[in-house]
């Protein structure tokens, strides 16, 4: 197996573990993320038809009020998704930095050099 296939397989196996870690980390540390997650949950509780659409993928007729709730849900969900992506990118960059440093491909520059 070539290196790229091995690397892809390793990433695939660890992907959901990393995503779950990042989302739980954000729930503990990021107020904006936590508010957004709770708001999405509240919207689903407030509008049962949205649960049918979003969780069961079943089309149903929505009232104007439910569509407003759907828009708010999608906006909050998108905001949360953006925060997750930022955190995942930072985690990947941090891991890459320490890996490169560990294998000797990266060294610190000192101002005295």
C-alpha atoms as a PDB file:
ATOM      1  CA  UNK A   1       0.000   0.000   0.000  1.00  0.00           C
ATOM      2  CA  UNK A   2       1.440   3.382  -0.928  1.00  0.00           C
ATOM      3  CA  UNK A   3       1.892   6.208   1.555  1.00  0.00           C
ATOM      4  CA  UNK A   4      -1.065   8.289   0.279  1.00  0.00           C
ATOM      5  CA  UNK A   5      -3.495   5.385   0.632  1.00  0.00           C
ATOM      6  CA  UNK A   6      -2.179   4.597   4.135  1.00  0.00           C
ATOM      7  CA  UNK A   7      -2.464   8.255   5.135  1.00  0.00           C
ATOM      8  CA  UNK A   8      -6.003   8.526   3.728  1.00  0.00           C
ATOM      9  CA  UNK A   9      -7.033   5.366   5.562  1.00  0.00           C
ATOM     10  CA  UNK A  10      -5.566   6.670   8.844  1.00  0.00           C
ATOM     11  CA  UNK A  11      -7.379   9.991   8.426  1.00  0.00           C
ATOM     12  CA  UNK A  12     -10.645   8.229   7.628  1.00  0.00           C
ATOM     13  CA  UNK A  13     -10.379   6.055  10.734  1.00  0.00           C
ATOM     14  CA  UNK A  14      -9.699   9.032  13.018  1.00  0.00           C
ATOM     15  CA  UNK A  15     -12.016  11.594  11.417  1.00  0.00           C
ATOM     16  CA  UNK A  16     -15.105  11.135  13.597  1.00  0.00           C
ATOM     17  CA  UNK A  17     -13.034  10.862  16.772  1.00  0.00           C
ATOM     18  CA  UNK A  18     -11.461  14.224  15.974  1.00  0.00           C
ATOM     19  CA  UNK A  19     -14.792  15.830  15.020  1.00  0.00           C
ATOM     20  CA  UNK A  20     -16.401  14.567  18.237  1.00  0.00           C
ATOM     21  CA  UNK A  21     -13.478  15.890  20.264  1.00  0.00           C
ATOM     22  CA  UNK A  22     -13.692  19.318  18.601  1.00  0.00           C
ATOM     23  CA  UNK A  23     -17.462  19.622  19.047  1.00  0.00           C
ATOM     24  CA  UNK A  24     -17.314  18.641  22.720  1.00  0.00           C
ATOM     25  CA  UNK A  25     -14.363  21.011  23.223  1.00  0.00           C
ATOM     26  CA  UNK A  26     -16.334  23.867  21.647  1.00  0.00           C
ATOM     27  CA  UNK A  27     -19.393  23.084  23.789  1.00  0.00           C
ATOM     28  CA  UNK A  28     -17.212  23.431  26.899  1.00  0.00           C
ATOM     29  CA  UNK A  29     -15.173  26.469  25.876  1.00  0.00           C
ATOM     30  CA  UNK A  30     -17.024  28.575  23.303  1.00  0.00           C
ATOM     31  CA  UNK A  31     -20.101  30.461  24.520  1.00  0.00           C
ATOM     32  CA  UNK A  32     -21.210  31.378  20.994  1.00  0.00           C
ATOM     33  CA  UNK A  33     -21.040  27.742  19.872  1.00  0.00           C
ATOM     34  CA  UNK A  34     -22.931  26.524  22.942  1.00  0.00           C
ATOM     35  CA  UNK A  35     -25.693  29.151  22.521  1.00  0.00           C
ATOM     36  CA  UNK A  36     -26.059  28.214  18.876  1.00  0.00           C
ATOM     37  CA  UNK A  37     -26.315  24.498  19.665  1.00  0.00           C
ATOM     38  CA  UNK A  38     -28.964  25.092  22.316  1.00  0.00           C
ATOM     39  CA  UNK A  39     -30.855  27.448  20.024  1.00  0.00           C
ATOM     40  CA  UNK A  40     -31.029  24.773  17.312  1.00  0.00           C
ATOM     41  CA  UNK A  41     -32.332  22.285  19.860  1.00  0.00           C
ATOM     42  CA  UNK A  42     -34.947  24.787  21.089  1.00  0.00           C
ATOM     43  CA  UNK A  43     -36.124  25.455  17.529  1.00  0.00           C
ATOM     44  CA  UNK A  44     -36.569  21.728  16.874  1.00  0.00           C
ATOM     45  CA  UNK A  45     -38.572  21.431  20.108  1.00  0.00           C
ATOM     46  CA  UNK A  46     -40.686  24.478  19.216  1.00  0.00           C
ATOM     47  CA  UNK A  47     -41.519  23.321  15.690  1.00  0.00           C
ATOM     48  CA  UNK A  48     -42.109  19.527  15.496  1.00  0.00           C
ATOM     49  CA  UNK A  49     -42.512  19.674  11.709  1.00  0.00           C
ATOM     50  CA  UNK A  50     -38.907  20.887  11.432  1.00  0.00           C
ATOM     51  CA  UNK A  51     -37.755  17.761  13.242  1.00  0.00           C
ATOM     52  CA  UNK A  52     -39.544  15.687  10.597  1.00  0.00           C
ATOM     53  CA  UNK A  53     -37.832  17.632   7.808  1.00  0.00           C
ATOM     54  CA  UNK A  54     -34.352  17.928   9.331  1.00  0.00           C
ATOM     55  CA  UNK A  55     -33.944  14.624  11.137  1.00  0.00           C
ATOM     56  CA  UNK A  56     -36.180  12.276   9.144  1.00  0.00           C
ATOM     57  CA  UNK A  57     -35.570  13.893   5.723  1.00  0.00           C
ATOM     58  CA  UNK A  58     -39.284  13.782   5.065  1.00  0.00           C
ATOM     59  CA  UNK A  59     -40.929  16.634   3.170  1.00  0.00           C
ATOM     60  CA  UNK A  60     -43.870  18.263   4.927  1.00  0.00           C
ATOM     61  CA  UNK A  61     -45.782  21.462   4.401  1.00  0.00           C
ATOM     62  CA  UNK A  62     -44.488  24.246   6.648  1.00  0.00           C
ATOM     63  CA  UNK A  63     -46.255  27.351   7.890  1.00  0.00           C
ATOM     64  CA  UNK A  64     -44.681  30.767   7.445  1.00  0.00           C
ATOM     65  CA  UNK A  65     -43.703  30.701  11.143  1.00  0.00           C
ATOM     66  CA  UNK A  66     -42.050  27.288  10.703  1.00  0.00           C
ATOM     67  CA  UNK A  67     -40.114  28.541   7.680  1.00  0.00           C
ATOM     68  CA  UNK A  68     -38.870  31.449   9.805  1.00  0.00           C
ATOM     69  CA  UNK A  69     -37.780  28.890  12.412  1.00  0.00           C
ATOM     70  CA  UNK A  70     -36.085  26.833   9.701  1.00  0.00           C
ATOM     71  CA  UNK A  71     -34.148  29.876   8.510  1.00  0.00           C
ATOM     72  CA  UNK A  72     -33.028  30.607  12.074  1.00  0.00           C
ATOM     73  CA  UNK A  73     -32.076  26.945  12.565  1.00  0.00           C
ATOM     74  CA  UNK A  74     -30.040  26.854   9.338  1.00  0.00           C
ATOM     75  CA  UNK A  75     -28.301  30.130  10.207  1.00  0.00           C
ATOM     76  CA  UNK A  76     -27.384  28.915  13.712  1.00  0.00           C
ATOM     77  CA  UNK A  77     -26.301  25.552  12.340  1.00  0.00           C
ATOM     78  CA  UNK A  78     -24.125  27.235   9.709  1.00  0.00           C
ATOM     79  CA  UNK A  79     -22.510  29.478  12.334  1.00  0.00           C
ATOM     80  CA  UNK A  80     -21.723  26.417  14.449  1.00  0.00           C
ATOM     81  CA  UNK A  81     -20.361  24.589  11.431  1.00  0.00           C
ATOM     82  CA  UNK A  82     -18.032  27.504  10.676  1.00  0.00           C
ATOM     83  CA  UNK A  83     -16.693  27.455  14.242  1.00  0.00           C
ATOM     84  CA  UNK A  84     -16.135  23.695  13.969  1.00  0.00           C
ATOM     85  CA  UNK A  85     -14.230  24.088  10.702  1.00  0.00           C
ATOM     86  CA  UNK A  86     -12.002  26.804  12.158  1.00  0.00           C
ATOM     87  CA  UNK A  87     -11.204  24.622  15.168  1.00  0.00           C
ATOM     88  CA  UNK A  88     -10.530  21.565  12.980  1.00  0.00           C
ATOM     89  CA  UNK A  89      -8.152  23.543  10.767  1.00  0.00           C
ATOM     90  CA  UNK A  90      -6.308  24.904  13.808  1.00  0.00           C
ATOM     91  CA  UNK A  91      -6.043  21.393  15.264  1.00  0.00           C
ATOM     92  CA  UNK A  92      -4.669  20.064  11.969  1.00  0.00           C
ATOM     93  CA  UNK A  93      -2.131  22.880  11.701  1.00  0.00           C
ATOM     94  CA  UNK A  94      -1.060  22.360  15.310  1.00  0.00           C
ATOM     95  CA  UNK A  95      -0.648  18.589  14.761  1.00  0.00           C
ATOM     96  CA  UNK A  96       1.332  19.159  11.573  1.00  0.00           C
ATOM     97  CA  UNK A  97       3.633  21.656  13.293  1.00  0.00           C
ATOM     98  CA  UNK A  98       4.453  19.288  16.152  1.00  0.00           C
ATOM     99  CA  UNK A  99       4.867  16.293  13.821  1.00  0.00           C
ATOM    100  CA  UNK A 100       7.278  18.203  11.566  1.00  0.00           C
ATOM    101  CA  UNK A 101       9.191  19.410  14.607  1.00  0.00           C
ATOM    102  CA  UNK A 102       9.331  15.888  16.073  1.00  0.00           C
ATOM    103  CA  UNK A 103      10.746  14.320  12.904  1.00  0.00           C
ATOM    104  CA  UNK A 104      13.297  17.106  12.524  1.00  0.00           C
ATOM    105  CA  UNK A 105      11.933  18.832   9.442  1.00  0.00           C
ATOM    106  CA  UNK A 106      11.156  22.008  11.344  1.00  0.00           C
ATOM    107  CA  UNK A 107      13.332  23.888  13.769  1.00  0.00           C
ATOM    108  CA  UNK A 108      12.819  27.011  15.820  1.00  0.00           C
ATOM    109  CA  UNK A 109      14.449  30.207  14.579  1.00  0.00           C
ATOM    110  CA  UNK A 110      16.178  32.114  17.339  1.00  0.00           C
ATOM    111  CA  UNK A 111      16.719  35.852  17.011  1.00  0.00           C
ATOM    112  CA  UNK A 112      20.362  35.356  17.997  1.00  0.00           C
ATOM    113  CA  UNK A 113      21.049  33.115  14.926  1.00  0.00           C
END
